[in-house]
N, C-alpha and C. Protein backbone atom coordinates (compact mmCIF):
# COMPACT_ATOMS: atom_id res chain seq x y z
N MET A 1 66.66 114.99 74.05
CA MET A 1 66.93 114.60 75.44
C MET A 1 65.93 113.55 75.88
N PRO A 2 66.38 112.43 76.53
CA PRO A 2 65.47 111.37 76.90
C PRO A 2 64.49 111.82 77.98
N HIS A 3 63.41 111.09 78.11
CA HIS A 3 62.39 111.40 79.09
C HIS A 3 62.95 111.23 80.49
N VAL A 4 62.54 112.15 81.41
CA VAL A 4 63.06 112.11 82.76
C VAL A 4 62.66 110.82 83.46
N THR A 5 61.48 110.32 83.19
CA THR A 5 61.03 109.07 83.82
C THR A 5 61.94 107.91 83.43
N HIS A 6 62.36 107.89 82.16
CA HIS A 6 63.26 106.84 81.70
C HIS A 6 64.58 106.87 82.46
N LEU A 7 65.16 108.06 82.65
CA LEU A 7 66.41 108.20 83.39
C LEU A 7 66.22 107.81 84.86
N TRP A 8 65.07 108.20 85.42
CA TRP A 8 64.78 107.88 86.82
C TRP A 8 64.69 106.36 87.02
N VAL A 9 64.08 105.68 86.07
CA VAL A 9 63.95 104.22 86.15
C VAL A 9 65.33 103.57 86.10
N ILE A 10 66.20 104.05 85.21
CA ILE A 10 67.55 103.48 85.11
C ILE A 10 68.34 103.75 86.39
N PHE A 11 68.20 104.98 86.93
CA PHE A 11 68.89 105.32 88.17
C PHE A 11 68.43 104.41 89.31
N LEU A 12 67.13 104.26 89.48
CA LEU A 12 66.60 103.42 90.54
C LEU A 12 66.99 101.96 90.34
N GLY A 13 66.96 101.51 89.07
CA GLY A 13 67.35 100.14 88.79
C GLY A 13 68.79 99.87 89.20
N THR A 14 69.68 100.82 88.88
CA THR A 14 71.08 100.68 89.27
C THR A 14 71.24 100.68 90.78
N PHE A 15 70.56 101.63 91.42
CA PHE A 15 70.66 101.77 92.88
C PHE A 15 70.15 100.52 93.59
N ILE A 16 68.94 100.07 93.20
CA ILE A 16 68.34 98.91 93.85
C ILE A 16 69.10 97.63 93.51
N GLY A 17 69.68 97.57 92.31
CA GLY A 17 70.42 96.38 91.93
C GLY A 17 71.75 96.24 92.64
N LEU A 18 72.44 97.38 92.87
CA LEU A 18 73.78 97.33 93.47
C LEU A 18 73.75 97.28 94.99
N LEU A 19 72.81 97.99 95.61
CA LEU A 19 72.83 98.14 97.06
C LEU A 19 72.82 96.81 97.81
N PRO A 20 71.93 95.87 97.49
CA PRO A 20 71.96 94.60 98.25
C PRO A 20 73.19 93.75 97.96
N ILE A 21 73.79 93.89 96.78
CA ILE A 21 74.99 93.11 96.47
C ILE A 21 76.20 93.66 97.21
N ILE A 22 76.36 94.98 97.19
CA ILE A 22 77.46 95.61 97.92
C ILE A 22 77.23 95.49 99.43
N ASN A 23 75.97 95.66 99.86
CA ASN A 23 75.55 95.43 101.25
C ASN A 23 76.48 96.13 102.26
N PRO A 24 76.39 97.45 102.36
CA PRO A 24 77.29 98.17 103.28
C PRO A 24 77.18 97.71 104.73
N LEU A 25 75.99 97.27 105.17
CA LEU A 25 75.83 96.85 106.56
C LEU A 25 76.68 95.63 106.88
N SER A 26 76.78 94.70 105.94
CA SER A 26 77.61 93.53 106.18
C SER A 26 79.09 93.86 105.99
N ALA A 27 79.39 94.89 105.20
CA ALA A 27 80.78 95.28 104.99
C ALA A 27 81.35 96.00 106.21
N GLY A 28 80.47 96.60 107.03
CA GLY A 28 80.93 97.34 108.20
C GLY A 28 81.77 96.53 109.16
N PRO A 29 81.27 95.38 109.67
CA PRO A 29 82.09 94.57 110.59
C PRO A 29 83.39 94.09 109.96
N THR A 30 83.35 93.73 108.68
CA THR A 30 84.57 93.30 108.01
C THR A 30 85.57 94.44 107.92
N PHE A 31 85.08 95.63 107.63
CA PHE A 31 85.93 96.82 107.57
C PHE A 31 86.60 97.06 108.91
N LEU A 32 85.85 96.90 110.01
CA LEU A 32 86.44 97.07 111.34
C LEU A 32 87.52 96.03 111.60
N ALA A 33 87.27 94.80 111.15
CA ALA A 33 88.21 93.72 111.41
C ALA A 33 89.53 93.94 110.68
N ILE A 34 89.46 94.34 109.41
CA ILE A 34 90.69 94.49 108.63
C ILE A 34 91.40 95.81 108.91
N THR A 35 90.76 96.72 109.67
CA THR A 35 91.43 97.97 110.06
C THR A 35 91.68 97.98 111.56
N GLU A 36 91.77 96.81 112.16
CA GLU A 36 92.03 96.72 113.61
C GLU A 36 93.34 97.41 113.94
N GLY A 37 93.32 98.26 114.95
CA GLY A 37 94.50 98.99 115.38
C GLY A 37 94.68 100.33 114.70
N ASP A 38 93.89 100.63 113.69
CA ASP A 38 93.98 101.91 112.99
C ASP A 38 93.29 103.01 113.80
N SER A 39 93.76 104.23 113.61
CA SER A 39 93.11 105.37 114.23
C SER A 39 91.81 105.69 113.49
N GLU A 40 90.99 106.51 114.14
CA GLU A 40 89.72 106.90 113.52
C GLU A 40 89.96 107.69 112.24
N GLU A 41 91.01 108.51 112.25
CA GLU A 41 91.34 109.30 111.06
C GLU A 41 91.73 108.40 109.89
N ARG A 42 92.55 107.37 110.20
CA ARG A 42 92.96 106.46 109.13
C ARG A 42 91.78 105.65 108.63
N ARG A 43 90.85 105.26 109.52
CA ARG A 43 89.67 104.53 109.08
C ARG A 43 88.83 105.38 108.12
N ARG A 44 88.70 106.66 108.44
CA ARG A 44 87.95 107.55 107.54
C ARG A 44 88.63 107.63 106.19
N GLU A 45 89.97 107.74 106.21
CA GLU A 45 90.72 107.82 104.95
C GLU A 45 90.54 106.54 104.12
N GLN A 46 90.64 105.38 104.80
CA GLN A 46 90.51 104.11 104.09
C GLN A 46 89.09 103.96 103.52
N ALA A 47 88.08 104.35 104.30
CA ALA A 47 86.70 104.26 103.82
C ALA A 47 86.47 105.17 102.63
N ARG A 48 87.00 106.39 102.70
CA ARG A 48 86.83 107.35 101.60
C ARG A 48 87.52 106.86 100.33
N LYS A 49 88.76 106.41 100.47
CA LYS A 49 89.48 105.91 99.29
C LYS A 49 88.85 104.63 98.75
N GLY A 50 88.39 103.75 99.65
CA GLY A 50 87.76 102.52 99.20
C GLY A 50 86.51 102.77 98.38
N CYS A 51 85.68 103.73 98.84
CA CYS A 51 84.46 104.06 98.10
C CYS A 51 84.79 104.74 96.78
N PHE A 52 85.84 105.56 96.77
CA PHE A 52 86.26 106.20 95.52
C PHE A 52 86.73 105.15 94.51
N TYR A 53 87.54 104.21 94.99
CA TYR A 53 88.01 103.13 94.11
C TYR A 53 86.83 102.29 93.61
N MET A 54 85.85 102.06 94.48
CA MET A 54 84.68 101.29 94.08
C MET A 54 83.97 101.95 92.91
N VAL A 55 83.76 103.27 93.01
CA VAL A 55 83.11 104.01 91.92
C VAL A 55 83.97 103.93 90.66
N ALA A 56 85.29 104.11 90.81
CA ALA A 56 86.18 104.08 89.65
C ALA A 56 86.14 102.71 88.96
N ILE A 57 86.14 101.64 89.74
CA ILE A 57 86.13 100.29 89.16
C ILE A 57 84.83 100.03 88.42
N LEU A 58 83.71 100.35 89.07
CA LEU A 58 82.41 100.06 88.45
C LEU A 58 82.18 100.93 87.22
N VAL A 59 82.58 102.19 87.28
CA VAL A 59 82.41 103.07 86.12
C VAL A 59 83.32 102.61 84.98
N SER A 60 84.51 102.15 85.31
CA SER A 60 85.42 101.65 84.27
C SER A 60 84.81 100.44 83.57
N PHE A 61 84.23 99.53 84.35
CA PHE A 61 83.59 98.37 83.73
C PHE A 61 82.32 98.76 83.00
N LEU A 62 81.64 99.80 83.47
CA LEU A 62 80.44 100.28 82.77
C LEU A 62 80.80 100.80 81.39
N ILE A 63 81.86 101.59 81.31
CA ILE A 63 82.23 102.23 80.05
C ILE A 63 82.96 101.28 79.12
N GLY A 64 83.92 100.55 79.68
CA GLY A 64 84.73 99.70 78.79
C GLY A 64 84.82 98.27 79.24
N GLY A 65 83.86 97.82 80.06
CA GLY A 65 83.93 96.49 80.64
C GLY A 65 83.93 95.38 79.61
N SER A 66 83.01 95.45 78.67
CA SER A 66 82.93 94.40 77.66
C SER A 66 84.22 94.31 76.85
N PHE A 67 84.78 95.49 76.50
CA PHE A 67 86.02 95.50 75.73
C PHE A 67 87.18 94.95 76.56
N ILE A 68 87.27 95.39 77.85
CA ILE A 68 88.36 94.95 78.71
C ILE A 68 88.34 93.44 78.89
N MET A 69 87.15 92.90 79.18
CA MET A 69 87.04 91.47 79.45
C MET A 69 87.29 90.64 78.20
N SER A 70 86.80 91.13 77.06
CA SER A 70 87.04 90.38 75.82
C SER A 70 88.49 90.50 75.38
N PHE A 71 89.12 91.65 75.61
CA PHE A 71 90.51 91.86 75.21
C PHE A 71 91.44 90.94 76.00
N PHE A 72 91.20 90.83 77.30
CA PHE A 72 92.05 89.99 78.14
C PHE A 72 91.51 88.57 78.29
N GLY A 73 90.39 88.29 77.66
CA GLY A 73 89.82 86.96 77.75
C GLY A 73 89.30 86.62 79.13
N ILE A 74 88.76 87.62 79.85
CA ILE A 74 88.26 87.43 81.21
C ILE A 74 86.75 87.19 81.16
N SER A 75 86.28 86.24 81.94
CA SER A 75 84.85 85.96 82.04
C SER A 75 84.38 86.25 83.45
N ILE A 76 83.04 86.35 83.62
CA ILE A 76 82.48 86.54 84.95
C ILE A 76 82.85 85.39 85.88
N PRO A 77 82.76 84.12 85.43
CA PRO A 77 83.24 83.03 86.30
C PRO A 77 84.70 83.20 86.71
N GLY A 78 85.54 83.69 85.79
CA GLY A 78 86.93 83.93 86.12
C GLY A 78 87.08 84.99 87.20
N LEU A 79 86.27 86.05 87.10
CA LEU A 79 86.30 87.09 88.13
C LEU A 79 85.88 86.52 89.48
N ARG A 80 84.84 85.69 89.47
CA ARG A 80 84.37 85.10 90.72
C ARG A 80 85.45 84.23 91.36
N ILE A 81 86.10 83.41 90.54
CA ILE A 81 87.12 82.49 91.08
C ILE A 81 88.32 83.28 91.62
N ALA A 82 88.77 84.29 90.85
CA ALA A 82 89.91 85.09 91.30
C ALA A 82 89.58 85.85 92.58
N GLY A 83 88.39 86.46 92.62
CA GLY A 83 87.98 87.16 93.84
C GLY A 83 87.84 86.22 95.01
N GLY A 84 87.35 85.00 94.76
CA GLY A 84 87.21 84.02 95.82
C GLY A 84 88.55 83.60 96.40
N ILE A 85 89.54 83.39 95.52
CA ILE A 85 90.88 83.01 96.00
C ILE A 85 91.47 84.12 96.86
N LEU A 86 91.27 85.37 96.41
CA LEU A 86 91.79 86.51 97.16
C LEU A 86 91.14 86.60 98.54
N LEU A 87 89.81 86.47 98.59
CA LEU A 87 89.10 86.54 99.87
C LEU A 87 89.51 85.39 100.79
N THR A 88 89.68 84.20 100.23
CA THR A 88 90.07 83.05 101.05
C THR A 88 91.43 83.28 101.71
N GLY A 89 92.38 83.83 100.96
CA GLY A 89 93.69 84.13 101.53
C GLY A 89 93.62 85.17 102.63
N ILE A 90 92.79 86.20 102.43
CA ILE A 90 92.64 87.24 103.44
C ILE A 90 92.02 86.66 104.71
N GLY A 91 90.99 85.83 104.54
CA GLY A 91 90.34 85.21 105.69
C GLY A 91 91.28 84.32 106.48
N MET A 92 92.13 83.56 105.80
CA MET A 92 93.09 82.70 106.48
C MET A 92 94.11 83.52 107.26
N ASP A 93 94.55 84.65 106.68
CA ASP A 93 95.49 85.51 107.39
C ASP A 93 94.86 86.08 108.66
N MET A 94 93.58 86.46 108.58
CA MET A 94 92.89 87.00 109.75
C MET A 94 92.70 85.95 110.83
N LEU A 95 92.47 84.69 110.43
CA LEU A 95 92.31 83.61 111.40
C LEU A 95 93.64 83.28 112.09
N ARG A 96 94.74 83.38 111.35
CA ARG A 96 96.05 83.04 111.91
C ARG A 96 96.65 84.15 112.74
N ALA A 97 96.10 85.36 112.59
CA ALA A 97 96.68 86.52 113.28
C ALA A 97 96.64 86.31 114.78
N GLN A 98 97.78 86.55 115.42
CA GLN A 98 97.89 86.41 116.86
C GLN A 98 98.06 87.80 117.47
N LYS A 99 97.29 88.05 118.51
CA LYS A 99 97.38 89.34 119.18
C LYS A 99 98.08 89.15 120.52
N GLY A 100 99.27 89.71 120.63
CA GLY A 100 100.02 89.56 121.86
C GLY A 100 99.62 90.60 122.90
N ALA A 101 100.55 90.89 123.77
CA ALA A 101 100.30 91.89 124.79
C ALA A 101 100.09 93.25 124.16
N ALA A 102 99.27 94.06 124.81
CA ALA A 102 98.91 95.37 124.28
C ALA A 102 100.14 96.27 124.27
N PRO A 103 100.54 96.82 123.11
CA PRO A 103 101.70 97.71 123.06
C PRO A 103 101.35 99.10 123.56
N ALA A 104 102.37 99.90 123.69
CA ALA A 104 102.14 101.28 124.11
C ALA A 104 101.37 102.03 123.05
N ASP A 105 100.73 103.13 123.49
CA ASP A 105 99.87 103.89 122.58
C ASP A 105 100.68 104.43 121.41
N THR A 106 101.90 104.90 121.66
CA THR A 106 102.72 105.44 120.57
C THR A 106 103.10 104.33 119.59
N GLU A 107 103.37 103.13 120.11
CA GLU A 107 103.72 102.03 119.23
C GLU A 107 102.53 101.63 118.37
N GLU A 108 101.31 101.67 118.93
CA GLU A 108 100.11 101.36 118.16
C GLU A 108 99.94 102.35 117.01
N ARG A 109 100.14 103.63 117.29
CA ARG A 109 99.98 104.64 116.25
C ARG A 109 101.03 104.45 115.15
N GLU A 110 102.27 104.11 115.56
CA GLU A 110 103.32 103.90 114.57
C GLU A 110 103.01 102.68 113.70
N ALA A 111 102.51 101.61 114.32
CA ALA A 111 102.15 100.41 113.56
C ALA A 111 101.00 100.72 112.61
N ALA A 112 100.06 101.54 113.04
CA ALA A 112 98.93 101.90 112.18
C ALA A 112 99.40 102.68 110.97
N ARG A 113 100.41 103.56 111.18
CA ARG A 113 100.92 104.34 110.06
C ARG A 113 101.62 103.45 109.04
N LYS A 114 102.28 102.38 109.52
CA LYS A 114 103.01 101.48 108.63
C LYS A 114 102.13 100.41 108.02
N LYS A 115 100.89 100.31 108.45
CA LYS A 115 100.02 99.23 108.00
C LYS A 115 99.74 99.35 106.50
N VAL A 116 99.62 98.21 105.86
CA VAL A 116 99.37 98.18 104.42
C VAL A 116 98.03 98.83 104.11
N ASP A 117 97.99 99.62 103.03
CA ASP A 117 96.75 100.25 102.60
C ASP A 117 95.77 99.19 102.11
N ILE A 118 94.57 99.15 102.73
CA ILE A 118 93.58 98.13 102.35
C ILE A 118 92.43 98.75 101.56
N SER A 119 92.56 100.03 101.18
CA SER A 119 91.43 100.71 100.55
C SER A 119 91.10 100.13 99.18
N PHE A 120 92.13 99.72 98.41
CA PHE A 120 91.85 99.14 97.11
C PHE A 120 91.56 97.65 97.21
N SER A 121 92.49 96.94 97.86
CA SER A 121 92.30 95.50 98.06
C SER A 121 92.60 95.18 99.53
N PRO A 122 91.65 94.60 100.26
CA PRO A 122 90.42 93.95 99.76
C PRO A 122 89.16 94.78 99.84
N LEU A 123 89.24 96.07 100.30
CA LEU A 123 88.00 96.82 100.54
C LEU A 123 87.25 97.10 99.25
N ALA A 124 87.91 97.81 98.31
CA ALA A 124 87.22 98.14 97.06
C ALA A 124 87.05 96.92 96.17
N MET A 125 88.09 96.10 96.10
CA MET A 125 88.07 94.90 95.26
C MET A 125 88.64 93.74 96.06
N PRO A 126 87.88 92.71 96.42
CA PRO A 126 86.56 92.41 95.84
C PRO A 126 85.37 92.66 96.76
N MET A 127 85.58 93.29 97.96
CA MET A 127 84.47 93.41 98.90
C MET A 127 83.33 94.28 98.38
N LEU A 128 83.66 95.51 97.95
CA LEU A 128 82.61 96.43 97.51
C LEU A 128 82.30 96.31 96.03
N SER A 129 83.31 96.20 95.21
CA SER A 129 83.09 96.08 93.77
C SER A 129 83.60 94.73 93.31
N GLY A 130 82.95 93.68 93.77
CA GLY A 130 83.33 92.34 93.41
C GLY A 130 82.67 91.86 92.14
N PRO A 131 82.76 90.57 91.86
CA PRO A 131 82.18 90.02 90.62
C PRO A 131 80.69 90.27 90.50
N GLY A 132 79.98 90.20 91.63
CA GLY A 132 78.53 90.41 91.57
C GLY A 132 78.16 91.81 91.13
N SER A 133 78.76 92.82 91.76
CA SER A 133 78.45 94.21 91.41
C SER A 133 78.95 94.56 90.02
N ILE A 134 80.09 93.97 89.61
CA ILE A 134 80.59 94.19 88.25
C ILE A 134 79.63 93.59 87.24
N ALA A 135 79.13 92.39 87.53
CA ALA A 135 78.18 91.74 86.62
C ALA A 135 76.89 92.56 86.49
N VAL A 136 76.40 93.11 87.62
CA VAL A 136 75.20 93.94 87.57
C VAL A 136 75.46 95.19 86.75
N THR A 137 76.61 95.83 86.95
CA THR A 137 76.95 97.03 86.20
C THR A 137 77.05 96.73 84.71
N LEU A 138 77.68 95.62 84.35
CA LEU A 138 77.76 95.25 82.94
C LEU A 138 76.38 94.97 82.37
N GLY A 139 75.50 94.41 83.19
CA GLY A 139 74.15 94.13 82.72
C GLY A 139 73.38 95.39 82.36
N PHE A 140 73.64 96.50 83.06
CA PHE A 140 72.92 97.73 82.77
C PHE A 140 73.40 98.41 81.48
N THR A 141 74.54 98.00 80.96
CA THR A 141 74.99 98.58 79.70
C THR A 141 74.03 98.23 78.56
N SER A 142 73.30 97.10 78.70
CA SER A 142 72.34 96.72 77.66
C SER A 142 71.13 97.64 77.65
N LEU A 143 70.88 98.36 78.77
CA LEU A 143 69.74 99.27 78.84
C LEU A 143 70.09 100.68 78.39
N ALA A 144 71.39 100.96 78.29
CA ALA A 144 71.81 102.32 77.93
C ALA A 144 71.77 102.50 76.42
N THR A 145 71.05 103.51 75.98
CA THR A 145 70.93 103.80 74.55
C THR A 145 71.69 105.07 74.17
N ASP A 146 71.98 105.95 75.13
CA ASP A 146 72.75 107.16 74.85
C ASP A 146 73.53 107.54 76.10
N TRP A 147 74.26 108.66 76.04
CA TRP A 147 75.12 109.06 77.14
C TRP A 147 74.32 109.47 78.37
N TYR A 148 73.11 109.98 78.19
CA TYR A 148 72.30 110.34 79.35
C TYR A 148 72.02 109.12 80.21
N ASP A 149 71.78 107.99 79.59
CA ASP A 149 71.54 106.76 80.33
C ASP A 149 72.78 106.36 81.14
N TYR A 150 73.95 106.54 80.55
CA TYR A 150 75.18 106.22 81.29
C TYR A 150 75.35 107.14 82.49
N PHE A 151 74.99 108.40 82.34
CA PHE A 151 75.06 109.33 83.48
C PHE A 151 74.11 108.90 84.59
N ALA A 152 72.93 108.40 84.22
CA ALA A 152 71.97 107.93 85.23
C ALA A 152 72.52 106.72 85.97
N ILE A 153 73.17 105.81 85.25
CA ILE A 153 73.77 104.63 85.89
C ILE A 153 74.90 105.06 86.83
N ILE A 154 75.75 105.99 86.37
CA ILE A 154 76.85 106.47 87.21
C ILE A 154 76.30 107.15 88.46
N ALA A 155 75.20 107.91 88.31
CA ALA A 155 74.59 108.55 89.48
C ALA A 155 74.12 107.51 90.49
N GLY A 156 73.59 106.39 90.00
CA GLY A 156 73.18 105.31 90.90
C GLY A 156 74.37 104.70 91.62
N ILE A 157 75.48 104.52 90.89
CA ILE A 157 76.69 103.97 91.50
C ILE A 157 77.21 104.91 92.59
N VAL A 158 77.26 106.21 92.29
CA VAL A 158 77.76 107.20 93.25
C VAL A 158 76.87 107.24 94.49
N SER A 159 75.55 107.13 94.30
CA SER A 159 74.63 107.15 95.44
C SER A 159 74.88 105.98 96.37
N VAL A 160 75.09 104.80 95.80
CA VAL A 160 75.40 103.62 96.62
C VAL A 160 76.74 103.82 97.33
N ALA A 161 77.71 104.42 96.67
CA ALA A 161 79.02 104.66 97.28
C ALA A 161 78.91 105.62 98.46
N LEU A 162 78.06 106.65 98.34
CA LEU A 162 77.88 107.61 99.44
C LEU A 162 77.26 106.92 100.65
N ILE A 163 76.27 106.08 100.42
CA ILE A 163 75.65 105.35 101.53
C ILE A 163 76.67 104.42 102.18
N THR A 164 77.47 103.76 101.35
CA THR A 164 78.49 102.85 101.87
C THR A 164 79.50 103.60 102.72
N TYR A 165 79.91 104.78 102.27
CA TYR A 165 80.87 105.57 103.03
C TYR A 165 80.32 105.96 104.40
N VAL A 166 79.06 106.39 104.43
CA VAL A 166 78.44 106.77 105.70
C VAL A 166 78.40 105.59 106.66
N VAL A 167 78.03 104.42 106.15
CA VAL A 167 77.96 103.22 107.00
C VAL A 167 79.34 102.85 107.54
N LEU A 168 80.36 102.90 106.68
CA LEU A 168 81.72 102.58 107.12
C LEU A 168 82.23 103.60 108.13
N ARG A 169 81.88 104.86 107.94
CA ARG A 169 82.28 105.90 108.90
C ARG A 169 81.66 105.63 110.27
N LEU A 170 80.38 105.29 110.31
CA LEU A 170 79.70 105.05 111.58
C LEU A 170 80.17 103.76 112.26
N SER A 171 80.73 102.84 111.48
CA SER A 171 81.17 101.57 112.06
C SER A 171 82.30 101.77 113.05
N GLY A 172 83.03 102.88 112.95
CA GLY A 172 84.11 103.15 113.89
C GLY A 172 83.63 103.29 115.32
N ARG A 173 82.39 103.76 115.50
CA ARG A 173 81.86 103.90 116.85
C ARG A 173 81.67 102.55 117.53
N LEU A 174 81.52 101.51 116.71
CA LEU A 174 81.34 100.18 117.27
C LEU A 174 82.59 99.72 118.01
N VAL A 175 83.76 100.18 117.56
CA VAL A 175 85.02 99.78 118.20
C VAL A 175 85.06 100.26 119.65
N LYS A 176 84.65 101.50 119.87
CA LYS A 176 84.67 102.04 121.22
C LYS A 176 83.69 101.30 122.13
N PHE A 177 82.64 100.76 121.52
CA PHE A 177 81.61 100.08 122.32
C PHE A 177 82.05 98.68 122.74
N ILE A 178 82.63 97.92 121.81
CA ILE A 178 82.97 96.52 122.12
C ILE A 178 84.37 96.37 122.68
N GLY A 179 85.25 97.37 122.51
CA GLY A 179 86.58 97.31 123.08
C GLY A 179 87.55 96.45 122.27
N PRO A 180 88.84 96.45 122.63
CA PRO A 180 89.86 95.71 121.87
C PRO A 180 89.66 94.21 121.88
N VAL A 181 89.18 93.66 123.02
CA VAL A 181 88.95 92.21 123.08
C VAL A 181 87.85 91.82 122.11
N GLY A 182 86.79 92.62 122.07
CA GLY A 182 85.69 92.34 121.15
C GLY A 182 86.12 92.46 119.70
N VAL A 183 86.96 93.46 119.42
CA VAL A 183 87.45 93.62 118.05
C VAL A 183 88.31 92.43 117.64
N ASN A 184 89.14 91.94 118.56
CA ASN A 184 89.98 90.78 118.26
C ASN A 184 89.12 89.55 117.98
N ALA A 185 88.08 89.36 118.80
CA ALA A 185 87.17 88.23 118.57
C ALA A 185 86.45 88.39 117.24
N MET A 186 86.04 89.63 116.93
CA MET A 186 85.35 89.88 115.67
C MET A 186 86.27 89.60 114.49
N THR A 187 87.57 89.91 114.65
CA THR A 187 88.52 89.64 113.59
C THR A 187 88.56 88.16 113.25
N LYS A 188 88.57 87.30 114.28
CA LYS A 188 88.58 85.85 114.06
C LYS A 188 87.28 85.40 113.38
N ILE A 189 86.16 85.91 113.88
CA ILE A 189 84.87 85.50 113.32
C ILE A 189 84.75 85.94 111.87
N MET A 190 85.10 87.21 111.60
CA MET A 190 84.99 87.72 110.24
C MET A 190 86.01 87.06 109.33
N GLY A 191 87.17 86.68 109.87
CA GLY A 191 88.13 85.95 109.05
C GLY A 191 87.57 84.64 108.55
N PHE A 192 86.87 83.93 109.45
CA PHE A 192 86.25 82.68 109.04
C PHE A 192 85.14 82.93 108.01
N LEU A 193 84.32 83.97 108.25
CA LEU A 193 83.23 84.26 107.30
C LEU A 193 83.78 84.71 105.95
N ILE A 194 84.85 85.51 105.96
CA ILE A 194 85.44 85.96 104.70
C ILE A 194 86.01 84.77 103.93
N MET A 195 86.67 83.85 104.67
CA MET A 195 87.19 82.66 104.01
C MET A 195 86.06 81.82 103.42
N THR A 196 84.94 81.73 104.15
CA THR A 196 83.77 81.00 103.65
C THR A 196 83.21 81.67 102.40
N MET A 197 83.13 83.02 102.43
CA MET A 197 82.66 83.75 101.25
C MET A 197 83.57 83.51 100.06
N GLY A 198 84.88 83.49 100.32
CA GLY A 198 85.82 83.25 99.23
C GLY A 198 85.64 81.89 98.59
N VAL A 199 85.46 80.87 99.44
CA VAL A 199 85.23 79.52 98.92
C VAL A 199 83.93 79.48 98.12
N GLN A 200 82.89 80.18 98.62
CA GLN A 200 81.62 80.20 97.90
C GLN A 200 81.75 80.90 96.55
N PHE A 201 82.56 81.97 96.50
CA PHE A 201 82.81 82.65 95.23
C PHE A 201 83.43 81.68 94.23
N VAL A 202 84.41 80.89 94.71
CA VAL A 202 85.06 79.94 93.82
C VAL A 202 84.06 78.89 93.34
N VAL A 203 83.23 78.39 94.26
CA VAL A 203 82.22 77.39 93.89
C VAL A 203 81.25 77.97 92.87
N ASN A 204 80.80 79.21 93.11
CA ASN A 204 79.88 79.85 92.16
C ASN A 204 80.53 80.03 90.79
N GLY A 205 81.82 80.36 90.78
CA GLY A 205 82.52 80.52 89.51
C GLY A 205 82.67 79.21 88.77
N ILE A 206 82.99 78.14 89.52
CA ILE A 206 83.18 76.84 88.87
C ILE A 206 81.87 76.27 88.35
N THR A 207 80.78 76.49 89.09
CA THR A 207 79.48 75.94 88.70
C THR A 207 78.66 76.88 87.84
N ASP A 208 79.27 77.97 87.40
CA ASP A 208 78.53 78.91 86.54
C ASP A 208 78.12 78.21 85.24
N PRO A 209 76.85 78.37 84.84
CA PRO A 209 76.37 77.68 83.61
C PRO A 209 77.20 78.00 82.37
N ASP A 210 77.63 79.26 82.22
CA ASP A 210 78.43 79.62 81.05
C ASP A 210 79.75 78.86 81.03
N LEU A 211 80.38 78.73 82.22
CA LEU A 211 81.64 78.00 82.28
C LEU A 211 81.43 76.52 81.99
N LEU A 212 80.35 75.96 82.52
CA LEU A 212 80.07 74.54 82.30
C LEU A 212 79.79 74.27 80.82
N HIS A 213 79.05 75.18 80.17
CA HIS A 213 78.79 75.02 78.74
C HIS A 213 80.07 75.11 77.93
N ALA A 214 80.95 76.04 78.33
CA ALA A 214 82.23 76.18 77.62
C ALA A 214 83.09 74.94 77.79
N LEU A 215 83.11 74.37 78.99
CA LEU A 215 83.89 73.16 79.22
C LEU A 215 83.32 71.97 78.42
N LYS A 216 82.00 71.86 78.40
CA LYS A 216 81.38 70.78 77.63
C LYS A 216 81.72 70.91 76.14
N ALA A 217 81.67 72.16 75.65
CA ALA A 217 81.99 72.38 74.23
C ALA A 217 83.45 72.06 73.96
N ALA A 218 84.35 72.39 74.90
CA ALA A 218 85.77 72.11 74.70
C ALA A 218 86.03 70.62 74.71
N PHE A 219 85.38 69.88 75.63
CA PHE A 219 85.56 68.43 75.67
C PHE A 219 84.96 67.76 74.43
N ALA A 220 83.83 68.31 73.97
CA ALA A 220 83.19 67.73 72.77
C ALA A 220 84.07 67.94 71.55
N ALA A 221 84.71 69.11 71.46
CA ALA A 221 85.57 69.39 70.31
C ALA A 221 86.81 68.53 70.30
N SER A 222 87.29 68.16 71.52
CA SER A 222 88.49 67.35 71.59
C SER A 222 88.17 65.86 71.38
């Protein structure tokens, strides 16, 4: 059995490495914006499912990430570009969204029930488990020497997911404080920021050194 200190170091490394990238505090306002009009119960459900999906995605890439990416020919720059395109589209939709006259309370609840599930996309992917967090998780596979190390990494992922869930749960109280007009304004602001993040993801993917080296090698071979 490995030394407890070794497992503790891997756990802390995973926790400290993922937490600032996932950044639950910055995800809170975005979560409120994309769940505008939802009930508190539905917000809790979306937050719970989103965090569950986040753990499932990161653990899947931890266990079989290298095989999955090599099998499908996916690179980290490719993940960044794809995630960026997805975020850009979501941000544009939020900017274009028009809020008309306030409907009746029953109509709002019915619309919330029919609303598309956002727990997997865009909440879990790419907001919480995007290219950055996937890259960090894949990086920790080089430190794992046995199954105990993998359990320590998974424990770090789950700990970050629990913190994220608590933050997303508490973000619902912000809606009552700022009111529907404030939420609508926040939707526009966050739509612009999400679109900006998406464009930056694409730029980071295009300017990634590995991608540039691959392109140079391809042009040299031709």
